Amino acid sequence: VLTQSALLAGGVDNITCVVLDVVDGPAVVGDGMLLG
């Protein structure tokens, strides 16, 4: 929705948004996503 808001406002530049919630839990071994 943040990205769409920038597009609706004109989208004159590349738009990148990464949203992170800080959580507590056991250690994980996971993949990370590449963007752009």
Full PDB file with SEQRES, HELIX, SHEET, SSBOND, CRYST1, ORIGX, SCALE, CONECT and MASTER records, all heavy atoms in Angstrom:
SEQRES   1 A   36  VAL LEU THR GLN SER ALA LEU LEU ALA GLY GLY VAL ASP          
SEQRES   2 A   36  ASN ILE THR CYS VAL VAL LEU ASP VAL VAL ASP GLY PRO          
SEQRES   3 A   36  ALA VAL VAL GLY ASP GLY MET LEU LEU GLY                      
HELIX    1 AA1 LEU A    2  LEU A    8  1                                   7    
CRYST1    1.000    1.000    1.000  90.00  90.00  90.00 P 1           1          
ORIGX1      1.000000  0.000000  0.000000        0.00000                         
ORIGX2      0.000000  1.000000  0.000000        0.00000                         
ORIGX3      0.000000  0.000000  1.000000        0.00000                         
SCALE1      1.000000  0.000000  0.000000        0.00000                         
SCALE2      0.000000  1.000000  0.000000        0.00000                         
SCALE3      0.000000  0.000000  1.000000        0.00000                         
ATOM      1  N   VAL A   1       0.837  -1.201   0.000  1.00  0.00           N  
ATOM      2  CA  VAL A   1       0.000   0.000   0.000  1.00  0.00           C  
ATOM      3  C   VAL A   1       0.871   1.250   0.000  1.00  0.00           C  
ATOM      4  O   VAL A   1       0.525   2.257  -0.657  1.00  0.00           O  
ATOM      5  CB  VAL A   1      -0.967  -0.023   1.200  1.00  0.00           C  
ATOM      6  CG1 VAL A   1      -1.726   1.299   1.305  1.00  0.00           C  
ATOM      7  CG2 VAL A   1      -1.952  -1.174   1.061  1.00  0.00           C  
ATOM      8  N   LEU A   2       1.985   1.244   0.697  1.00  0.00           N  
ATOM      9  CA  LEU A   2       2.904   2.382   0.638  1.00  0.00           C  
ATOM     10  C   LEU A   2       3.390   2.602  -0.793  1.00  0.00           C  
ATOM     11  O   LEU A   2       3.428   3.736  -1.285  1.00  0.00           O  
ATOM     12  CB  LEU A   2       4.097   2.151   1.567  1.00  0.00           C  
ATOM     13  CG  LEU A   2       3.841   2.297   3.060  1.00  0.00           C  
ATOM     14  CD1 LEU A   2       5.063   1.848   3.854  1.00  0.00           C  
ATOM     15  CD2 LEU A   2       3.476   3.733   3.420  1.00  0.00           C  
ATOM     16  N   THR A   3       3.764   1.520  -1.455  1.00  0.00           N  
ATOM     17  CA  THR A   3       4.234   1.623  -2.836  1.00  0.00           C  
ATOM     18  C   THR A   3       3.132   2.156  -3.737  1.00  0.00           C  
ATOM     19  O   THR A   3       3.364   3.045  -4.578  1.00  0.00           O  
ATOM     20  CB  THR A   3       4.712   0.251  -3.330  1.00  0.00           C  
ATOM     21  OG1 THR A   3       5.755  -0.217  -2.473  1.00  0.00           O  
ATOM     22  CG2 THR A   3       5.210   0.324  -4.762  1.00  0.00           C  
ATOM     23  N   GLN A   4       1.927   1.642  -3.572  1.00  0.00           N  
ATOM     24  CA  GLN A   4       0.803   2.112  -4.375  1.00  0.00           C  
ATOM     25  C   GLN A   4       0.512   3.583  -4.109  1.00  0.00           C  
ATOM     26  O   GLN A   4       0.164   4.342  -5.039  1.00  0.00           O  
ATOM     27  CB  GLN A   4      -0.437   1.268  -4.087  1.00  0.00           C  
ATOM     28  CG  GLN A   4      -1.637   1.593  -4.963  1.00  0.00           C  
ATOM     29  CD  GLN A   4      -1.390   1.278  -6.435  1.00  0.00           C  
ATOM     30  OE1 GLN A   4      -0.534   0.455  -6.758  1.00  0.00           O  
ATOM     31  NE2 GLN A   4      -2.116   1.919  -7.323  1.00  0.00           N  
ATOM     32  N   SER A   5       0.665   4.029  -2.883  1.00  0.00           N  
ATOM     33  CA  SER A   5       0.453   5.438  -2.553  1.00  0.00           C  
ATOM     34  C   SER A   5       1.434   6.331  -3.308  1.00  0.00           C  
ATOM     35  O   SER A   5       1.073   7.396  -3.811  1.00  0.00           O  
ATOM     36  CB  SER A   5       0.594   5.658  -1.042  1.00  0.00           C  
ATOM     37  OG  SER A   5      -0.387   4.946  -0.319  1.00  0.00           O  
ATOM     38  N   ALA A   6       2.699   5.887  -3.380  1.00  0.00           N  
ATOM     39  CA  ALA A   6       3.697   6.660  -4.135  1.00  0.00           C  
ATOM     40  C   ALA A   6       3.381   6.657  -5.624  1.00  0.00           C  
ATOM     41  O   ALA A   6       3.555   7.672  -6.311  1.00  0.00           O  
ATOM     42  CB  ALA A   6       5.092   6.101  -3.878  1.00  0.00           C  
ATOM     43  N   LEU A   7       2.925   5.534  -6.149  1.00  0.00           N  
ATOM     44  CA  LEU A   7       2.550   5.463  -7.561  1.00  0.00           C  
ATOM     45  C   LEU A   7       1.380   6.389  -7.864  1.00  0.00           C  
ATOM     46  O   LEU A   7       1.373   7.108  -8.883  1.00  0.00           O  
ATOM     47  CB  LEU A   7       2.197   4.028  -7.938  1.00  0.00           C  
ATOM     48  CG  LEU A   7       3.364   3.029  -7.986  1.00  0.00           C  
ATOM     49  CD1 LEU A   7       2.833   1.607  -8.113  1.00  0.00           C  
ATOM     50  CD2 LEU A   7       4.297   3.359  -9.149  1.00  0.00           C  
ATOM     51  N   LEU A   8       0.387   6.417  -7.008  1.00  0.00           N  
ATOM     52  CA  LEU A   8      -0.773   7.273  -7.212  1.00  0.00           C  
ATOM     53  C   LEU A   8      -0.400   8.756  -7.123  1.00  0.00           C  
ATOM     54  O   LEU A   8      -1.049   9.598  -7.748  1.00  0.00           O  
ATOM     55  CB  LEU A   8      -1.858   6.945  -6.186  1.00  0.00           C  
ATOM     56  CG  LEU A   8      -2.549   5.591  -6.364  1.00  0.00           C  
ATOM     57  CD1 LEU A   8      -3.466   5.302  -5.188  1.00  0.00           C  
ATOM     58  CD2 LEU A   8      -3.316   5.549  -7.679  1.00  0.00           C  
ATOM     59  N   ALA A   9       0.655   9.056  -6.363  1.00  0.00           N  
ATOM     60  CA  ALA A   9       1.115  10.438  -6.247  1.00  0.00           C  
ATOM     61  C   ALA A   9       1.989  10.872  -7.417  1.00  0.00           C  
ATOM     62  O   ALA A   9       2.419  12.019  -7.471  1.00  0.00           O  
ATOM     63  CB  ALA A   9       1.878  10.618  -4.938  1.00  0.00           C  
ATOM     64  N   GLY A  10       2.250   9.960  -8.342  1.00  0.00           N  
ATOM     65  CA  GLY A  10       3.056  10.299  -9.522  1.00  0.00           C  
ATOM     66  C   GLY A  10       4.116   9.287  -9.851  1.00  0.00           C  
ATOM     67  O   GLY A  10       4.482   9.124 -11.006  1.00  0.00           O  
ATOM     68  N   GLY A  11       4.666   8.621  -8.852  1.00  0.00           N  
ATOM     69  CA  GLY A  11       5.668   7.577  -9.075  1.00  0.00           C  
ATOM     70  C   GLY A  11       6.833   8.033  -9.933  1.00  0.00           C  
ATOM     71  O   GLY A  11       7.270   7.313 -10.822  1.00  0.00           O  
ATOM     72  N   VAL A  12       7.383   9.214  -9.627  1.00  0.00           N  
ATOM     73  CA  VAL A  12       8.417   9.786 -10.490  1.00  0.00           C  
ATOM     74  C   VAL A  12       9.785   9.140 -10.284  1.00  0.00           C  
ATOM     75  O   VAL A  12      10.709   9.416 -11.046  1.00  0.00           O  
ATOM     76  CB  VAL A  12       8.521  11.317 -10.283  1.00  0.00           C  
ATOM     77  CG1 VAL A  12       7.213  11.978 -10.640  1.00  0.00           C  
ATOM     78  CG2 VAL A  12       8.925  11.661  -8.861  1.00  0.00           C  
ATOM     79  N   ASP A  13       9.923   8.291  -9.288  1.00  0.00           N  
ATOM     80  CA  ASP A  13      11.199   7.637  -9.009  1.00  0.00           C  
ATOM     81  C   ASP A  13      10.918   6.169  -8.705  1.00  0.00           C  
ATOM     82  O   ASP A  13       9.767   5.764  -8.514  1.00  0.00           O  
ATOM     83  CB  ASP A  13      11.886   8.313  -7.820  1.00  0.00           C  
ATOM     84  CG  ASP A  13      13.375   8.029  -7.727  1.00  0.00           C  
ATOM     85  OD1 ASP A  13      13.885   7.207  -8.528  1.00  0.00           O  
ATOM     86  OD2 ASP A  13      14.035   8.615  -6.846  1.00  0.00           O  
ATOM     87  N   ASN A  14      11.976   5.369  -8.641  1.00  0.00           N  
ATOM     88  CA  ASN A  14      11.840   4.000  -8.157  1.00  0.00           C  
ATOM     89  C   ASN A  14      11.375   4.038  -6.702  1.00  0.00           C  
ATOM     90  O   ASN A  14      11.738   4.954  -5.952  1.00  0.00           O  
ATOM     91  CB  ASN A  14      13.159   3.258  -8.248  1.00  0.00           C  
ATOM     92  CG  ASN A  14      13.847   3.351  -9.594  1.00  0.00           C  
ATOM     93  OD1 ASN A  14      15.064   3.447  -9.652  1.00  0.00           O  
ATOM     94  ND2 ASN A  14      13.089   3.331 -10.688  1.00  0.00           N  
ATOM     95  N   ILE A  15      10.603   3.048  -6.315  1.00  0.00           N  
ATOM     96  CA  ILE A  15      10.002   3.016  -4.969  1.00  0.00           C  
ATOM     97  C   ILE A  15      10.344   1.687  -4.316  1.00  0.00           C  
ATOM     98  O   ILE A  15      10.055   0.630  -4.887  1.00  0.00           O  
ATOM     99  CB  ILE A  15       8.473   3.155  -5.039  1.00  0.00           C  
ATOM    100  CG1 ILE A  15       8.065   4.386  -5.847  1.00  0.00           C  
ATOM    101  CG2 ILE A  15       7.873   3.203  -3.639  1.00  0.00           C  
ATOM    102  CD1 ILE A  15       6.725   4.220  -6.539  1.00  0.00           C  
ATOM    103  N   THR A  16      10.945   1.733  -3.144  1.00  0.00           N  
ATOM    104  CA  THR A  16      11.253   0.509  -2.404  1.00  0.00           C  
ATOM    105  C   THR A  16      10.870   0.688  -0.948  1.00  0.00           C  
ATOM    106  O   THR A  16      11.233   1.694  -0.324  1.00  0.00           O  
ATOM    107  CB  THR A  16      12.739   0.153  -2.516  1.00  0.00           C  
ATOM    108  OG1 THR A  16      13.068  -0.047  -3.898  1.00  0.00           O  
ATOM    109  CG2 THR A  16      13.060  -1.112  -1.733  1.00  0.00           C  
ATOM    110  N   CYS A  17      10.131  -0.283  -0.417  1.00  0.00           N  
ATOM    111  CA  CYS A  17       9.684  -0.264   0.973  1.00  0.00           C  
ATOM    112  C   CYS A  17       9.921  -1.644   1.581  1.00  0.00           C  
ATOM    113  O   CYS A  17       9.473  -2.649   1.016  1.00  0.00           O  
ATOM    114  CB  CYS A  17       8.193   0.060   1.074  1.00  0.00           C  
ATOM    115  SG  CYS A  17       7.667   1.556   0.226  1.00  0.00           S  
ATOM    116  N   VAL A  18      10.594  -1.698   2.710  1.00  0.00           N  
ATOM    117  CA  VAL A  18      10.771  -2.936   3.461  1.00  0.00           C  
ATOM    118  C   VAL A  18      10.204  -2.699   4.852  1.00  0.00           C  
ATOM    119  O   VAL A  18      10.647  -1.787   5.568  1.00  0.00           O  
ATOM    120  CB  VAL A  18      12.251  -3.344   3.546  1.00  0.00           C  
ATOM    121  CG1 VAL A  18      12.415  -4.563   4.441  1.00  0.00           C  
ATOM    122  CG2 VAL A  18      12.813  -3.626   2.155  1.00  0.00           C  
ATOM    123  N   VAL A  19       9.199  -3.482   5.213  1.00  0.00           N  
ATOM    124  CA  VAL A  19       8.511  -3.339   6.499  1.00  0.00           C  
ATOM    125  C   VAL A  19       8.877  -4.533   7.375  1.00  0.00           C  
ATOM    126  O   VAL A  19       8.697  -5.686   6.976  1.00  0.00           O  
ATOM    127  CB  VAL A  19       6.991  -3.255   6.298  1.00  0.00           C  
ATOM    128  CG1 VAL A  19       6.282  -3.159   7.658  1.00  0.00           C  
ATOM    129  CG2 VAL A  19       6.629  -2.058   5.423  1.00  0.00           C  
ATOM    130  N   LEU A  20       9.373  -4.249   8.587  1.00  0.00           N  
ATOM    131  CA  LEU A  20       9.879  -5.281   9.485  1.00  0.00           C  
ATOM    132  C   LEU A  20       9.212  -5.172  10.840  1.00  0.00           C  
ATOM    133  O   LEU A  20       9.211  -4.091  11.452  1.00  0.00           O  
ATOM    134  CB  LEU A  20      11.395  -5.119   9.675  1.00  0.00           C  
ATOM    135  CG  LEU A  20      12.262  -5.043   8.419  1.00  0.00           C  
ATOM    136  CD1 LEU A  20      13.653  -4.545   8.785  1.00  0.00           C  
ATOM    137  CD2 LEU A  20      12.335  -6.398   7.740  1.00  0.00           C  
ATOM    138  N   ASP A  21       8.666  -6.270  11.325  1.00  0.00           N  
ATOM    139  CA  ASP A  21       8.185  -6.339  12.696  1.00  0.00           C  
ATOM    140  C   ASP A  21       9.262  -6.982  13.556  1.00  0.00           C  
ATOM    141  O   ASP A  21       9.843  -8.014  13.182  1.00  0.00           O  
ATOM    142  CB  ASP A  21       6.901  -7.152  12.778  1.00  0.00           C  
ATOM    143  CG  ASP A  21       5.708  -6.423  12.169  1.00  0.00           C  
ATOM    144  OD1 ASP A  21       5.713  -5.180  12.182  1.00  0.00           O  
ATOM    145  OD2 ASP A  21       4.788  -7.091  11.664  1.00  0.00           O  
ATOM    146  N   VAL A  22       9.537  -6.388  14.695  1.00  0.00           N  
ATOM    147  CA  VAL A  22      10.502  -6.949  15.647  1.00  0.00           C  
ATOM    148  C   VAL A  22       9.761  -7.970  16.508  1.00  0.00           C  
ATOM    149  O   VAL A  22       8.801  -7.631  17.200  1.00  0.00           O  
ATOM    150  CB  VAL A  22      11.132  -5.851  16.515  1.00  0.00           C  
ATOM    151  CG1 VAL A  22      12.144  -6.465  17.487  1.00  0.00           C  
ATOM    152  CG2 VAL A  22      11.808  -4.795  15.642  1.00  0.00           C  
ATOM    153  N   VAL A  23      10.214  -9.229  16.433  1.00  0.00           N  
ATOM    154  CA  VAL A  23       9.540 -10.312  17.145  1.00  0.00           C  
ATOM    155  C   VAL A  23      10.539 -11.051  18.019  1.00  0.00           C  
ATOM    156  O   VAL A  23      11.757 -10.908  17.866  1.00  0.00           O  
ATOM    157  CB  VAL A  23       8.868 -11.295  16.155  1.00  0.00           C  
ATOM    158  CG1 VAL A  23       7.831 -10.574  15.305  1.00  0.00           C  
ATOM    159  CG2 VAL A  23       9.898 -11.985  15.270  1.00  0.00           C  
ATOM    160  N   ASP A  24      10.020 -11.856  18.924  1.00  0.00           N  
ATOM    161  CA  ASP A  24      10.849 -12.681  19.806  1.00  0.00           C  
ATOM    162  C   ASP A  24      10.525 -14.140  19.523  1.00  0.00           C  
ATOM    163  O   ASP A  24       9.357 -14.526  19.454  1.00  0.00           O  
ATOM    164  CB  ASP A  24      10.532 -12.343  21.263  1.00  0.00           C  
ATOM    165  CG  ASP A  24      11.444 -13.081  22.237  1.00  0.00           C  
ATOM    166  OD1 ASP A  24      12.497 -13.586  21.809  1.00  0.00           O  
ATOM    167  OD2 ASP A  24      11.083 -13.150  23.429  1.00  0.00           O  
ATOM    168  N   GLY A  25      11.560 -14.941  19.345  1.00  0.00           N  
ATOM    169  CA  GLY A  25      11.317 -16.344  19.055  1.00  0.00           C  
ATOM    170  C   GLY A  25      12.625 -17.093  18.916  1.00  0.00           C  
ATOM    171  O   GLY A  25      13.713 -16.529  19.054  1.00  0.00           O  
ATOM    172  N   PRO A  26      12.544 -18.389  18.644  1.00  0.00           N  
ATOM    173  CA  PRO A  26      13.761 -19.185  18.482  1.00  0.00           C  
ATOM    174  C   PRO A  26      14.533 -18.750  17.248  1.00  0.00           C  
ATOM    175  O   PRO A  26      13.972 -18.172  16.307  1.00  0.00           O  
ATOM    176  CB  PRO A  26      13.228 -20.609  18.325  1.00  0.00           C  
ATOM    177  CG  PRO A  26      11.831 -20.437  17.827  1.00  0.00           C  
ATOM    178  CD  PRO A  26      11.320 -19.187  18.458  1.00  0.00           C  
ATOM    179  N   ALA A  27      15.820 -19.038  17.232  1.00  0.00           N  
ATOM    180  CA  ALA A  27      16.646 -18.725  16.066  1.00  0.00           C  
ATOM    181  C   ALA A  27      16.119 -19.474  14.854  1.00  0.00           C  
ATOM    182  O   ALA A  27      15.658 -20.614  14.959  1.00  0.00           O  
ATOM    183  CB  ALA A  27      18.093 -19.102  16.330  1.00  0.00           C  
ATOM    184  N   VAL A  28      16.174 -18.824  13.702  1.00  0.00           N  
ATOM    185  CA  VAL A  28      15.715 -19.439  12.462  1.00  0.00           C  
ATOM    186  C   VAL A  28      16.842 -19.409  11.441  1.00  0.00           C  
ATOM    187  O   VAL A  28      17.715 -18.545  11.468  1.00  0.00           O  
ATOM    188  CB  VAL A  28      14.473 -18.741  11.893  1.00  0.00           C  
ATOM    189  CG1 VAL A  28      13.306 -18.850  12.855  1.00  0.00           C  
ATOM    190  CG2 VAL A  28      14.762 -17.276  11.561  1.00  0.00           C  
ATOM    191  N   VAL A  29      16.826 -20.374  10.562  1.00  0.00           N  
ATOM    192  CA  VAL A  29      17.716 -20.377   9.402  1.00  0.00           C  
ATOM    193  C   VAL A  29      16.810 -20.272   8.195  1.00  0.00           C  
ATOM    194  O   VAL A  29      16.125 -21.221   7.837  1.00  0.00           O  
ATOM    195  CB  VAL A  29      18.565 -21.665   9.344  1.00  0.00           C  
ATOM    196  CG1 VAL A  29      19.440 -21.653   8.083  1.00  0.00           C  
ATOM    197  CG2 VAL A  29      19.423 -21.781  10.586  1.00  0.00           C  
ATOM    198  N   GLY A  30      16.773 -19.096   7.606  1.00  0.00           N  
ATOM    199  CA  GLY A  30      15.804 -18.877   6.540  1.00  0.00           C  
ATOM    200  C   GLY A  30      16.412 -18.129   5.380  1.00  0.00           C  
ATOM    201  O   GLY A  30      17.537 -17.620   5.450  1.00  0.00           O  
ATOM    202  N   ASP A  31      15.657 -18.093   4.300  1.00  0.00           N  
ATOM    203  CA  ASP A  31      16.076 -17.357   3.116  1.00  0.00           C  
ATOM    204  C   ASP A  31      15.659 -15.897   3.232  1.00  0.00           C  
ATOM    205  O   ASP A  31      14.679 -15.571   3.891  1.00  0.00           O  
ATOM    206  CB  ASP A  31      15.439 -17.946   1.847  1.00  0.00           C  
ATOM    207  CG  ASP A  31      15.964 -19.344   1.549  1.00  0.00           C  
ATOM    208  OD1 ASP A  31      17.079 -19.650   1.995  1.00  0.00           O  
ATOM    209  OD2 ASP A  31      15.258 -20.103   0.881  1.00  0.00           O  
ATOM    210  N   GLY A  32      16.415 -15.052   2.566  1.00  0.00           N  
ATOM    211  CA  GLY A  32      16.056 -13.647   2.471  1.00  0.00           C  
ATOM    212  C   GLY A  32      15.669 -13.338   1.038  1.00  0.00           C  
ATOM    213  O   GLY A  32      16.151 -13.971   0.101  1.00  0.00           O  
ATOM    214  N   MET A  33      14.786 -12.377   0.871  1.00  0.00           N  
ATOM    215  CA  MET A  33      14.294 -12.033  -0.454  1.00  0.00           C  
ATOM    216  C   MET A  33      15.093 -10.892  -1.067  1.00  0.00           C  
ATOM    217  O   MET A  33      15.451  -9.922  -0.397  1.00  0.00           O  
ATOM    218  CB  MET A  33      12.828 -11.644  -0.381  1.00  0.00           C  
ATOM    219  CG  MET A  33      11.910 -12.773   0.069  1.00  0.00           C  
ATOM    220  SD  MET A  33      12.108 -14.292  -0.900  1.00  0.00           S  
ATOM    221  CE  MET A  33      11.693 -13.713  -2.553  1.00  0.00           C  
ATOM    222  N   LEU A  34      15.381 -11.032  -2.361  1.00  0.00           N  
ATOM    223  CA  LEU A  34      16.041 -10.002  -3.142  1.00  0.00           C  
ATOM    224  C   LEU A  34      14.989  -9.170  -3.849  1.00  0.00           C  
ATOM    225  O   LEU A  34      14.024  -9.701  -4.403  1.00  0.00           O  
ATOM    226  CB  LEU A  34      16.957 -10.619  -4.193  1.00  0.00           C  
ATOM    227  CG  LEU A  34      17.939 -11.716  -3.762  1.00  0.00           C  
ATOM    228  CD1 LEU A  34      18.771 -12.149  -4.958  1.00  0.00           C  
ATOM    229  CD2 LEU A  34      18.824 -11.224  -2.639  1.00  0.00           C  
ATOM    230  N   LEU A  35      15.196  -7.860  -3.870  1.00  0.00           N  
ATOM    231  CA  LEU A  35      14.246  -6.952  -4.494  1.00  0.00           C  
ATOM    232  C   LEU A  35      14.966  -5.977  -5.410  1.00  0.00           C  
ATOM    233  O   LEU A  35      16.133  -5.625  -5.185  1.00  0.00           O  
ATOM    234  CB  LEU A  35      13.474  -6.169  -3.429  1.00  0.00           C  
ATOM    235  CG  LEU A  35      12.644  -6.981  -2.433  1.00  0.00           C  
ATOM    236  CD1 LEU A  35      12.188  -6.089  -1.283  1.00  0.00           C  
ATOM    237  CD2 LEU A  35      11.447  -7.614  -3.117  1.00  0.00           C  
ATOM    238  N   GLY A  36      14.258  -5.529  -6.453  1.00  0.00           N  
ATOM    239  CA  GLY A  36      14.782  -4.500  -7.338  1.00  0.00           C  
ATOM    240  C   GLY A  36      15.968  -4.979  -8.150  1.00  0.00           C  
ATOM    241  O   GLY A  36      16.028  -6.117  -8.616  1.00  0.00           O  
TER     242      GLY A  36                                                      
MASTER        0    0    0    1    0    0    0    6  241    1    0    3          
END                                                                             
